[in-house]
Amino acid sequence: MEQLSRSIKLENLPAQVTYEHQDHLPEKIVQFGEGNFLRGFVDWMIHELNKQGLFNGKVVAIQPTPHGKVVPKLNAQDGLYTLALRGIENGQIVERNEIISSISRGINPYSNWDEVLKVAESPDIQFVFSNTTEAGLTYLEEAYDKQKSPLSFPGKVTAFLYHRYKVMNAKPEAGLVLIPCELVEGNGDVLKELVLRYAKEWNMPKEFTTWVNNHNQFSNTLVDRIVTGYPKDNIEEYRDILGYEDVLLTAGEPYHLFAIEAGEDVAERLPFHQAGLNVKWGPITPYRELKVRLLNGPHTMMFSICYLSGVDTVLEAMQDPDLGEFVKNGMIEEIFPTVKMDEKEKRLFVESVIERFENPYNKHFLTDIGMNAVYKYKSRLIPSMLDYIEQTKKLPQSILFSLAALIVYYHPDRNDGDFLIGRRGNNEYTIRDNKEALSALTKAWELFENDGADVSRLTTSVLEDEELWGINLNAIDGLNELVASNVSSILLHGMKESVRKLAKAATK
């Protein structure tokens, strides 16, 4: 089977594959990272811009770590790869396969740092994108050697900017727009602070710091798309569809959201919105709240309830009449009213979330969502809970039932190193969280078991812990009693029957 490359003949491609190759475009973007997410998100967007003649530029992908394996594959395929989008969009099942041609080449900076510096010298370069994971957007103490690539991502950016500053004589127009995509709040601000820290510790001139501050823009961003990467479990099916070999085949969902904190000048140079892409320019806080509350919040609300009801994935939960109705009700009736945003935009977002939850191509395991669930509950659901109580003077039934379910999910059957092991029927599952959360829940369950199975002692111990929740939840009138009642119901009747009882009570 022929390998994907620029020599592939368009007439040989099957009808299910689209390919619009753009040659002879200048390199305008430096990208630190070449993984699945950037290729399925940013590089796809640049490809869309190029197809419509709105950008006409290519991406240079820089390998972020010494042990990366993507760059040789990327160069062997002339920068090409296939993006397969699968899911539900506007009520219709979507299956799209497109060869993406926005990447010109990949560079390994550890063996070809001089090539990276040549890119820094190019007047065509305008933007820097990145996704080096949360761990990449951190400080690493290291020495500066102009002949070698720094190990850290912020160190690379600092050295790249410094070389550009020197070669281009500190011209204001040499400044770049840096748009990090790491899942770190205030990612642009964090990157800028790190660059300035390296510049100081590497004794770079103060004029360089001034140039960085005055002529380079660091944008905070919010990204949202599930990119699952290489579909190894059903690769033969994809090979039959594509008719060629692609070792960088990347799968993802159709939905995407990119919020970028930048001005109109940047939006005009990167006109994503003109290409019909779901990109929002300006303050990202409203979109962060929208995503955290109405996407991440329902995920955290559902995971323990649905898993302990006997299903393993989000899709299975949504296909179950009782569980699916519970998720939708909690999302729409309790979380939705607490989000401060245009009603139409909120409703469109909720509809997209339900379509994503019901995506038949995504295998999103509930136990994965349950990792670090105490912190997730604190950041994703407590704010909605408090706002709902303030707005309605009532307790949110679904949100608090999910808190009871979380407590039951954290019931330890035994220890396993740094984690706990819970039990669902005859099956074990691993409870992964920080030491403080695991210790607090373990002690609370020991109180319950050593004190004549007193559920109120259990819930009181859990809910009063301000380190876990950021607030003493027992101080909220009636909350402990409701959570204790739900825990008792779950222990007595089982999770699934308790969900049914909750639904019946809601209809009365």
Protein backbone atom coordinates (compact mmCIF):
# COMPACT_ATOMS: atom_id res chain seq x y z
CA MET A 1 0.00 0.00 0.00
CA GLU A 2 1.37 3.43 -1.00
CA GLN A 3 2.56 5.73 1.80
CA LEU A 4 1.05 9.18 2.05
CA SER A 5 3.34 11.87 0.56
CA ARG A 6 3.22 14.76 -1.89
CA SER A 7 3.74 12.31 -4.73
CA ILE A 8 0.35 10.71 -4.09
CA LYS A 9 -1.93 11.11 -7.09
CA LEU A 10 -5.19 12.90 -6.48
CA GLU A 11 -7.01 10.78 -9.03
CA ASN A 12 -6.12 7.65 -7.04
CA LEU A 13 -7.79 8.87 -3.86
CA PRO A 14 -11.18 7.39 -2.95
CA ALA A 15 -14.24 9.63 -2.84
CA GLN A 16 -14.25 9.52 0.98
CA VAL A 17 -10.97 11.48 1.14
CA THR A 18 -10.56 15.19 0.37
CA TYR A 19 -7.19 16.73 -0.47
CA GLU A 20 -6.33 20.28 -1.45
CA HIS A 21 -2.58 20.61 -1.38
CA GLN A 22 -1.09 24.10 -1.14
CA ASP A 23 2.51 24.29 -2.31
CA HIS A 24 4.92 27.23 -2.37
CA LEU A 25 3.46 29.03 0.64
CA PRO A 26 5.83 30.85 3.03
CA GLU A 27 6.39 29.59 6.56
CA LYS A 28 4.51 32.02 8.82
CA ILE A 29 4.05 29.95 12.00
CA VAL A 30 6.45 28.28 14.40
CA GLN A 31 4.80 25.53 16.38
CA PHE A 32 6.34 23.97 19.47
CA GLY A 33 4.73 20.54 19.51
CA GLU A 34 3.72 18.15 16.74
CA GLY A 35 1.34 15.85 18.59
CA ASN A 36 -2.17 14.72 17.88
CA PHE A 37 -3.94 17.70 19.42
CA LEU A 38 -2.13 20.42 17.51
CA ARG A 39 -2.43 18.49 14.26
CA GLY A 40 -6.13 17.87 14.87
CA PHE A 41 -6.86 21.41 16.01
CA VAL A 42 -4.55 24.34 15.12
CA ASP A 43 -2.97 22.84 11.99
CA TRP A 44 -6.40 21.82 10.71
CA MET A 45 -7.59 25.40 11.22
CA ILE A 46 -4.60 26.82 9.32
CA HIS A 47 -5.35 24.33 6.55
CA GLU A 48 -8.94 25.62 6.43
CA LEU A 49 -7.66 29.21 6.17
CA ASN A 50 -5.30 28.27 3.35
CA LYS A 51 -8.03 26.45 1.43
CA GLN A 52 -10.06 29.65 1.41
CA GLY A 53 -7.11 31.92 0.59
CA LEU A 54 -7.37 33.72 3.92
CA PHE A 55 -3.86 33.10 5.31
CA ASN A 56 -1.56 31.52 2.72
CA GLY A 57 1.10 30.35 5.12
CA LYS A 58 2.69 27.18 6.46
CA VAL A 59 3.63 25.81 9.88
CA VAL A 60 7.09 24.71 10.99
CA ALA A 61 6.66 22.06 13.72
CA ILE A 62 9.39 21.92 16.40
CA GLN A 63 9.84 18.71 18.38
CA PRO A 64 9.34 19.63 22.06
CA THR A 65 11.26 16.80 23.80
CA PRO A 66 14.47 14.88 23.03
CA HIS A 67 12.61 11.58 22.71
CA GLY A 68 9.92 12.64 20.24
CA LYS A 69 9.11 10.30 17.38
CA VAL A 70 6.76 12.36 15.22
CA VAL A 71 9.16 14.63 13.28
CA PRO A 72 10.83 11.83 11.23
CA LYS A 73 7.39 10.47 10.31
CA LEU A 74 6.13 13.94 9.46
CA ASN A 75 9.08 14.66 7.17
CA ALA A 76 8.82 11.22 5.54
CA GLN A 77 5.24 12.12 4.58
CA ASP A 78 6.23 15.63 3.37
CA GLY A 79 4.31 17.21 6.26
CA LEU A 80 1.05 15.52 5.22
CA TYR A 81 -1.31 13.55 7.42
CA THR A 82 -4.98 12.60 7.43
CA LEU A 83 -7.49 14.00 9.90
CA ALA A 84 -10.56 11.79 10.40
CA LEU A 85 -13.43 13.58 12.10
CA ARG A 86 -16.19 11.35 13.48
CA GLY A 87 -19.22 12.32 15.52
CA ILE A 88 -22.60 14.01 15.56
CA GLU A 89 -22.98 17.56 14.26
CA ASN A 90 -26.32 19.37 14.06
CA GLY A 91 -28.09 16.07 14.61
CA GLN A 92 -26.31 14.30 11.74
CA ILE A 93 -23.60 11.64 11.89
CA VAL A 94 -20.39 13.07 10.43
CA GLU A 95 -17.52 11.10 8.87
CA ARG A 96 -14.89 13.26 7.18
CA ASN A 97 -11.41 12.27 6.03
CA GLU A 98 -9.12 15.07 4.86
CA ILE A 99 -5.42 15.23 4.07
CA ILE A 100 -4.01 18.23 5.94
CA SER A 101 -1.19 20.09 4.19
CA SER A 102 -0.54 23.11 6.44
CA ILE A 103 2.75 21.80 7.89
CA SER A 104 5.83 22.43 5.75
CA ARG A 105 8.29 20.36 7.80
CA GLY A 106 9.32 19.23 11.24
CA ILE A 107 12.59 20.07 13.00
CA ASN A 108 14.33 18.22 15.81
CA PRO A 109 15.94 21.11 17.75
CA TYR A 110 18.27 18.80 19.67
CA SER A 111 20.05 17.73 16.50
CA ASN A 112 19.25 20.74 14.26
CA TRP A 113 19.13 23.81 16.49
CA ASP A 114 20.72 25.88 13.73
CA GLU A 115 17.66 25.17 11.56
CA VAL A 116 15.39 26.51 14.30
CA LEU A 117 17.49 29.66 14.51
CA LYS A 118 17.26 30.12 10.73
CA VAL A 119 13.49 30.05 11.11
CA ALA A 120 13.81 32.74 13.80
CA GLU A 121 15.60 34.94 11.23
CA SER A 122 12.74 34.79 8.72
CA PRO A 123 10.73 38.01 8.33
CA ASP A 124 7.75 35.87 7.23
CA ILE A 125 7.32 34.34 10.68
CA GLN A 126 4.44 36.01 12.53
CA PHE A 127 2.99 33.54 15.04
CA VAL A 128 4.05 30.96 17.62
CA PHE A 129 1.64 28.19 18.65
CA SER A 130 2.34 25.49 21.21
CA ASN A 131 0.98 22.52 23.07
CA THR A 132 3.65 20.95 25.23
CA THR A 133 1.19 19.74 27.93
CA GLU A 134 0.82 21.38 31.34
CA ALA A 135 4.23 19.98 32.34
CA GLY A 136 5.84 21.85 29.45
CA LEU A 137 4.65 25.25 30.64
CA THR A 138 6.87 25.25 33.74
CA TYR A 139 10.28 26.50 34.80
CA LEU A 140 13.34 24.26 34.51
CA GLU A 141 16.67 25.51 35.75
CA GLU A 142 19.16 25.23 32.89
CA ALA A 143 22.11 27.09 31.40
CA TYR A 144 21.95 29.08 28.18
CA ASP A 145 24.11 27.87 25.28
CA LYS A 146 23.48 29.66 22.01
CA GLN A 147 24.77 26.63 20.11
CA LYS A 148 22.29 24.19 21.68
CA SER A 149 18.57 23.91 22.17
CA PRO A 150 17.33 24.54 25.70
CA LEU A 151 15.52 21.55 27.13
CA SER A 152 12.44 23.40 28.39
CA PHE A 153 9.75 24.81 26.11
CA PRO A 154 9.86 28.35 27.64
CA GLY A 155 13.64 28.21 27.36
CA LYS A 156 13.38 27.42 23.64
CA VAL A 157 10.96 30.31 23.14
CA THR A 158 13.31 32.68 24.98
CA ALA A 159 16.32 31.60 22.92
CA PHE A 160 14.27 31.78 19.70
CA LEU A 161 13.06 35.31 20.47
CA TYR A 162 16.52 36.46 21.55
CA HIS A 163 18.12 35.27 18.31
CA ARG A 164 15.37 36.97 16.30
CA TYR A 165 15.82 40.16 18.34
CA LYS A 166 19.55 40.26 17.57
CA VAL A 167 19.41 39.29 13.91
CA MET A 168 16.52 41.65 13.11
CA ASN A 169 18.10 44.54 15.04
CA ALA A 170 15.34 44.81 17.66
CA LYS A 171 12.83 46.06 15.10
CA PRO A 172 9.29 46.39 16.46
CA GLU A 173 7.89 44.55 13.43
CA ALA A 174 10.04 41.53 14.32
CA GLY A 175 7.80 40.89 17.33
CA LEU A 176 5.58 37.80 17.27
CA VAL A 177 2.14 36.79 18.47
CA LEU A 178 2.46 33.81 20.83
CA ILE A 179 -0.66 31.66 21.24
CA PRO A 180 -0.08 28.75 23.65
CA CYS A 181 -2.69 25.98 23.77
CA GLU A 182 -1.57 24.25 26.97
CA LEU A 183 -4.43 23.54 29.38
CA VAL A 184 -3.20 26.04 31.94
CA GLU A 185 -5.32 28.96 33.06
CA GLY A 186 -3.72 32.20 31.92
CA ASN A 187 -1.37 30.22 29.66
CA GLY A 188 -0.22 33.30 27.73
CA ASP A 189 0.57 35.21 30.90
CA VAL A 190 2.41 32.18 32.32
CA LEU A 191 4.52 31.80 29.17
CA LYS A 192 5.44 35.50 29.17
CA GLU A 193 6.48 35.37 32.85
CA LEU A 194 8.67 32.34 32.14
CA VAL A 195 10.32 33.96 29.11
CA LEU A 196 11.13 37.08 31.14
CA ARG A 197 12.47 34.92 33.96
CA TYR A 198 14.81 33.04 31.62
CA ALA A 199 15.93 36.32 30.01
CA LYS A 200 16.88 37.66 33.44
CA GLU A 201 18.59 34.50 34.67
CA TRP A 202 20.51 34.16 31.39
CA ASN A 203 21.70 37.78 31.75
CA MET A 204 20.21 38.89 28.47
CA PRO A 205 20.19 42.68 27.96
CA LYS A 206 17.41 44.77 29.42
CA GLU A 207 16.69 46.07 25.92
CA PHE A 208 15.66 42.55 24.95
CA THR A 209 13.22 42.42 27.87
CA THR A 210 11.81 45.77 26.75
CA TRP A 211 11.40 44.43 23.20
CA VAL A 212 9.63 41.30 24.49
CA ASN A 213 7.27 43.42 26.58
CA ASN A 214 6.50 46.06 23.98
CA HIS A 215 6.50 44.25 20.66
CA ASN A 216 5.42 40.63 21.33
CA GLN A 217 1.88 39.60 22.22
CA PHE A 218 1.22 36.66 24.55
CA SER A 219 -2.41 35.52 24.27
CA ASN A 220 -4.36 33.56 26.87
CA THR A 221 -6.44 30.85 25.24
CA LEU A 222 -9.07 28.20 25.81
CA VAL A 223 -9.14 25.13 23.55
CA ASP A 224 -11.80 22.48 23.23
CA ARG A 225 -11.81 19.46 20.95
CA ILE A 226 -11.39 15.76 21.68
CA VAL A 227 -8.55 14.43 19.52
CA THR A 228 -8.05 10.72 20.14
CA GLY A 229 -5.08 10.34 17.80
CA TYR A 230 -4.02 7.28 15.85
CA PRO A 231 -6.95 4.82 15.71
CA LYS A 232 -4.93 1.67 16.27
CA ASP A 233 -7.93 -0.42 17.35
CA ASN A 234 -9.59 -0.12 13.94
CA ILE A 235 -6.71 0.88 11.69
CA GLU A 236 -7.51 -1.80 9.08
CA GLU A 237 -10.94 -0.23 8.60
CA TYR A 238 -9.32 3.15 8.01
CA ARG A 239 -6.78 1.70 5.57
CA ASP A 240 -9.61 0.24 3.52
CA ILE A 241 -11.35 3.64 3.46
CA LEU A 242 -8.24 5.70 2.64
CA GLY A 243 -6.46 3.38 0.23
CA TYR A 244 -3.01 4.46 1.45
CA GLU A 245 -0.78 4.12 4.51
CA ASP A 246 -0.65 7.04 6.95
CA VAL A 247 1.36 6.52 10.14
CA LEU A 248 0.18 9.93 11.40
CA LEU A 249 -3.53 9.38 10.83
CA THR A 250 -5.30 11.40 13.51
CA ALA A 251 -8.91 10.94 14.65
CA GLY A 252 -11.05 13.47 16.47
CA GLU A 253 -14.54 14.87 16.93
CA PRO A 254 -16.13 17.51 14.68
CA TYR A 255 -16.79 19.95 17.53
CA HIS A 256 -14.17 22.62 18.20
CA LEU A 257 -13.91 25.83 20.20
CA PHE A 258 -10.91 28.15 20.27
CA ALA A 259 -11.11 31.29 22.44
CA ILE A 260 -8.17 33.67 22.04
CA GLU A 261 -7.50 36.77 24.09
CA ALA A 262 -6.17 39.07 21.38
CA GLY A 263 -7.12 42.25 19.60
CA GLU A 264 -8.64 42.94 16.21
CA ASP A 265 -5.22 43.27 14.58
CA VAL A 266 -4.45 39.62 15.35
CA ALA A 267 -7.93 38.51 14.31
CA GLU A 268 -7.46 40.23 10.95
CA ARG A 269 -4.15 38.43 10.37
CA LEU A 270 -5.57 35.07 11.50
CA PRO A 271 -9.18 35.30 10.26
CA PHE A 272 -10.39 31.97 11.63
CA HIS A 273 -13.91 33.33 12.07
CA GLN A 274 -14.08 34.31 8.40
CA ALA A 275 -13.40 30.67 7.51
CA GLY A 276 -16.47 29.58 9.48
CA LEU A 277 -14.46 28.19 12.39
CA ASN A 278 -15.71 28.38 15.97
CA VAL A 279 -13.05 30.83 17.15
CA LYS A 280 -13.87 33.58 19.65
CA TRP A 281 -11.68 36.67 19.93
CA GLY A 282 -11.52 38.77 23.08
CA PRO A 283 -11.87 37.95 26.80
CA ILE A 284 -11.88 34.19 27.34
CA THR A 285 -13.34 34.13 30.87
CA PRO A 286 -16.96 33.72 29.70
CA TYR A 287 -15.99 30.79 27.49
CA ARG A 288 -13.91 29.20 30.24
CA GLU A 289 -16.94 29.35 32.54
CA LEU A 290 -19.17 28.01 29.77
CA LYS A 291 -16.86 25.03 29.18
CA VAL A 292 -16.05 24.33 32.82
CA ARG A 293 -19.66 24.49 33.97
CA LEU A 294 -21.59 22.99 31.05
CA LEU A 295 -19.10 20.45 29.69
CA ASN A 296 -16.70 19.56 32.47
CA GLY A 297 -19.35 19.98 35.19
CA PRO A 298 -21.76 17.39 33.75
CA HIS A 299 -18.82 15.02 33.21
CA THR A 300 -17.93 15.21 36.90
CA MET A 301 -21.59 15.08 37.91
CA MET A 302 -22.22 11.89 35.95
CA PHE A 303 -19.09 9.77 36.31
CA SER A 304 -19.66 8.11 39.71
CA ILE A 305 -23.44 7.80 39.30
CA CYS A 306 -23.22 6.17 35.90
CA TYR A 307 -20.23 3.95 36.68
CA LEU A 308 -21.79 2.62 39.88
CA SER A 309 -25.02 2.06 37.90
CA GLY A 310 -23.13 -0.48 35.80
CA VAL A 311 -22.00 1.34 32.64
CA ASP A 312 -18.43 2.15 31.67
CA THR A 313 -18.50 4.98 29.12
CA VAL A 314 -20.20 8.34 28.58
CA LEU A 315 -21.94 6.98 25.49
CA GLU A 316 -23.39 4.01 27.40
CA ALA A 317 -24.61 6.39 30.08
CA MET A 318 -26.36 8.63 27.57
CA GLN A 319 -27.98 5.63 25.89
CA ASP A 320 -29.49 4.49 29.21
CA PRO A 321 -32.92 6.17 29.59
CA ASP A 322 -32.60 6.82 33.35
CA LEU A 323 -28.98 7.93 33.35
CA GLY A 324 -29.25 10.00 30.18
CA GLU A 325 -32.27 11.82 31.56
CA PHE A 326 -30.47 12.47 34.85
CA VAL A 327 -27.47 14.02 33.06
CA LYS A 328 -29.60 16.23 30.82
CA ASN A 329 -31.83 17.34 33.69
CA GLY A 330 -28.93 18.30 35.94
CA MET A 331 -27.20 20.13 33.11
CA ILE A 332 -30.23 22.08 31.88
CA GLU A 333 -32.22 22.65 35.08
CA GLU A 334 -29.43 23.28 37.58
CA ILE A 335 -26.18 24.27 35.86
CA PHE A 336 -27.47 26.14 32.79
CA PRO A 337 -29.17 28.99 34.75
CA THR A 338 -25.95 29.76 36.65
CA VAL A 339 -23.88 30.52 33.53
CA LYS A 340 -23.73 34.22 32.70
CA MET A 341 -23.83 34.35 28.93
CA ASP A 342 -26.17 35.01 26.03
CA GLU A 343 -29.06 32.51 26.22
CA LYS A 344 -28.85 31.49 22.56
CA GLU A 345 -25.10 30.84 22.77
CA LYS A 346 -25.59 28.81 25.95
CA ARG A 347 -28.30 26.68 24.34
CA LEU A 348 -26.19 26.03 21.25
CA PHE A 349 -23.33 24.98 23.51
CA VAL A 350 -25.54 22.61 25.52
CA GLU A 351 -26.83 21.03 22.31
CA SER A 352 -23.25 20.52 21.15
CA VAL A 353 -22.29 18.98 24.51
CA ILE A 354 -25.13 16.46 24.31
CA GLU A 355 -24.06 15.57 20.75
CA ARG A 356 -20.50 15.07 21.99
CA PHE A 357 -21.64 12.89 24.88
CA GLU A 358 -23.64 10.81 22.38
CA ASN A 359 -20.78 10.52 19.86
CA PRO A 360 -20.74 6.82 18.87
CA TYR A 361 -17.05 7.03 17.89
CA ASN A 362 -15.65 8.24 21.25
CA LYS A 363 -14.93 5.72 23.99
CA HIS A 364 -14.75 8.07 26.97
CA PHE A 365 -14.34 5.94 30.09
CA LEU A 366 -16.06 7.14 33.25
CA THR A 367 -13.18 6.01 35.46
CA ASP A 368 -10.87 8.31 33.46
CA ILE A 369 -13.20 11.23 34.17
CA GLY A 370 -13.12 10.17 37.83
CA MET A 371 -9.40 10.84 38.23
CA ASN A 372 -8.84 13.64 40.80
CA ALA A 373 -12.62 13.93 41.09
CA VAL A 374 -12.63 15.81 44.41
CA TYR A 375 -10.70 18.75 42.94
CA LYS A 376 -12.83 18.58 39.78
CA TYR A 377 -16.01 18.69 41.86
CA LYS A 378 -14.67 21.69 43.79
CA SER A 379 -13.77 23.66 40.66
CA ARG A 380 -16.51 22.49 38.29
CA LEU A 381 -19.65 22.01 40.41
CA ILE A 382 -19.33 23.89 43.70
CA PRO A 383 -19.58 27.31 41.95
CA SER A 384 -22.74 26.20 40.09
CA MET A 385 -24.16 24.77 43.32
CA LEU A 386 -23.61 28.00 45.24
CA ASP A 387 -24.99 30.18 42.44
CA TYR A 388 -28.06 27.93 42.10
CA ILE A 389 -28.76 28.18 45.84
CA GLU A 390 -28.35 31.95 45.75
CA GLN A 391 -30.65 32.30 42.73
CA THR A 392 -33.44 29.90 43.76
CA LYS A 393 -33.07 29.59 47.57
CA LYS A 394 -33.27 25.83 46.96
CA LEU A 395 -30.77 22.98 47.00
CA PRO A 396 -29.82 21.55 43.56
CA GLN A 397 -31.03 17.95 43.73
CA SER A 398 -28.97 16.47 40.88
CA ILE A 399 -25.71 18.21 41.80
CA LEU A 400 -26.00 17.10 45.43
CA PHE A 401 -27.00 13.58 44.47
CA SER A 402 -23.77 13.46 42.47
CA LEU A 403 -21.86 14.58 45.58
CA ALA A 404 -23.37 11.66 47.49
CA ALA A 405 -22.43 9.34 44.63
CA LEU A 406 -18.85 10.66 44.66
CA ILE A 407 -18.59 9.87 48.38
CA VAL A 408 -19.82 6.32 47.74
CA TYR A 409 -17.43 5.95 44.75
CA TYR A 410 -14.56 6.82 47.10
CA HIS A 411 -15.48 4.01 49.50
CA PRO A 412 -12.17 2.12 49.74
CA ASP A 413 -12.20 -1.66 49.61
CA ARG A 414 -8.43 -1.74 50.08
CA ASN A 415 -5.22 0.23 49.52
CA ASP A 416 -2.95 -0.19 46.50
CA GLY A 417 0.22 1.87 46.88
CA ASP A 418 -0.62 5.54 46.48
CA PHE A 419 -4.20 4.83 45.42
CA LEU A 420 -7.35 3.20 46.74
CA ILE A 421 -9.29 0.33 45.25
CA GLY A 422 -13.07 0.49 45.15
CA ARG A 423 -15.50 -2.24 44.21
CA ARG A 424 -18.46 -2.37 41.83
CA GLY A 425 -20.06 -5.74 42.27
CA ASN A 426 -17.34 -8.27 41.44
CA ASN A 427 -15.17 -5.69 39.68
CA GLU A 428 -12.46 -3.52 41.20
CA TYR A 429 -11.62 0.03 40.12
CA THR A 430 -8.76 2.34 41.04
CA ILE A 431 -9.51 5.59 42.89
CA ARG A 432 -6.86 8.12 41.86
CA ASP A 433 -6.60 11.43 43.67
CA ASN A 434 -4.16 13.47 45.75
CA LYS A 435 -3.09 12.15 49.15
CA GLU A 436 -5.19 14.69 51.07
CA ALA A 437 -8.43 13.72 49.34
CA LEU A 438 -7.80 9.99 49.63
CA SER A 439 -6.85 10.32 53.31
CA ALA A 440 -9.92 12.41 54.16
CA LEU A 441 -12.36 10.04 52.45
CA THR A 442 -10.67 6.98 53.96
CA LYS A 443 -10.95 8.43 57.48
CA ALA A 444 -14.59 9.37 56.91
CA TRP A 445 -15.47 5.84 55.80
CA GLU A 446 -13.60 4.43 58.82
CA LEU A 447 -15.82 6.62 61.03
CA PHE A 448 -18.87 5.15 59.31
CA GLU A 449 -17.72 1.55 59.68
CA ASN A 450 -16.52 1.94 63.28
CA ASP A 451 -19.51 3.90 64.47
CA GLY A 452 -22.46 1.63 63.77
CA ALA A 453 -22.88 2.66 60.13
CA ASP A 454 -23.89 6.22 60.96
CA VAL A 455 -24.20 7.92 57.57
CA SER A 456 -24.49 11.39 59.08
CA ARG A 457 -21.07 11.00 60.74
CA LEU A 458 -19.66 10.00 57.37
CA THR A 459 -21.12 12.93 55.45
CA THR A 460 -20.41 15.45 58.21
CA SER A 461 -16.75 14.46 58.22
CA VAL A 462 -16.48 14.77 54.43
CA LEU A 463 -18.49 17.94 53.94
CA GLU A 464 -16.87 19.99 56.69
CA ASP A 465 -13.41 19.66 55.11
CA GLU A 466 -12.66 23.09 53.66
CA GLU A 467 -9.39 21.84 52.18
CA LEU A 468 -11.39 19.55 49.91
CA TRP A 469 -14.20 21.87 48.87
CA GLY A 470 -12.99 25.39 49.58
CA ILE A 471 -15.96 25.83 51.92
CA ASN A 472 -17.56 24.08 54.90
CA LEU A 473 -20.53 22.57 53.08
CA ASN A 474 -22.20 21.69 56.37
CA ALA A 475 -22.81 25.40 56.87
CA ILE A 476 -25.35 25.38 54.04
CA ASP A 477 -28.79 24.79 55.52
CA GLY A 478 -30.14 21.33 54.75
CA LEU A 479 -27.21 20.24 52.56
CA ASN A 480 -25.76 17.61 54.92
CA GLU A 481 -29.17 16.07 55.51
CA LEU A 482 -29.85 15.78 51.77
CA VAL A 483 -26.45 14.30 50.97
CA ALA A 484 -26.72 11.86 53.90
CA SER A 485 -30.18 10.80 52.72
CA ASN A 486 -28.82 10.18 49.21
CA VAL A 487 -25.85 8.18 50.52
CA SER A 488 -28.23 6.06 52.61
CA SER A 489 -30.44 5.45 49.58
CA ILE A 490 -27.48 4.43 47.42
CA LEU A 491 -26.14 2.03 50.07
CA LEU A 492 -29.59 0.55 50.72
CA HIS A 493 -31.16 0.41 47.23
CA GLY A 494 -28.17 0.61 44.89
CA MET A 495 -27.20 3.45 42.56
CA LYS A 496 -29.53 2.72 39.64
CA GLU A 497 -32.65 2.42 41.79
CA SER A 498 -31.69 5.60 43.66
CA VAL A 499 -31.44 7.47 40.33
CA ARG A 500 -34.95 6.26 39.46
CA LYS A 501 -36.26 7.41 42.84
CA LEU A 502 -34.70 10.82 42.32
CA ALA A 503 -36.33 11.11 38.89
CA LYS A 504 -39.75 10.18 40.31
CA ALA A 505 -39.41 12.75 43.07
CA ALA A 506 -38.54 15.43 40.51
CA THR A 507 -41.75 14.81 38.54
CA LYS A 508 -44.04 15.15 41.55
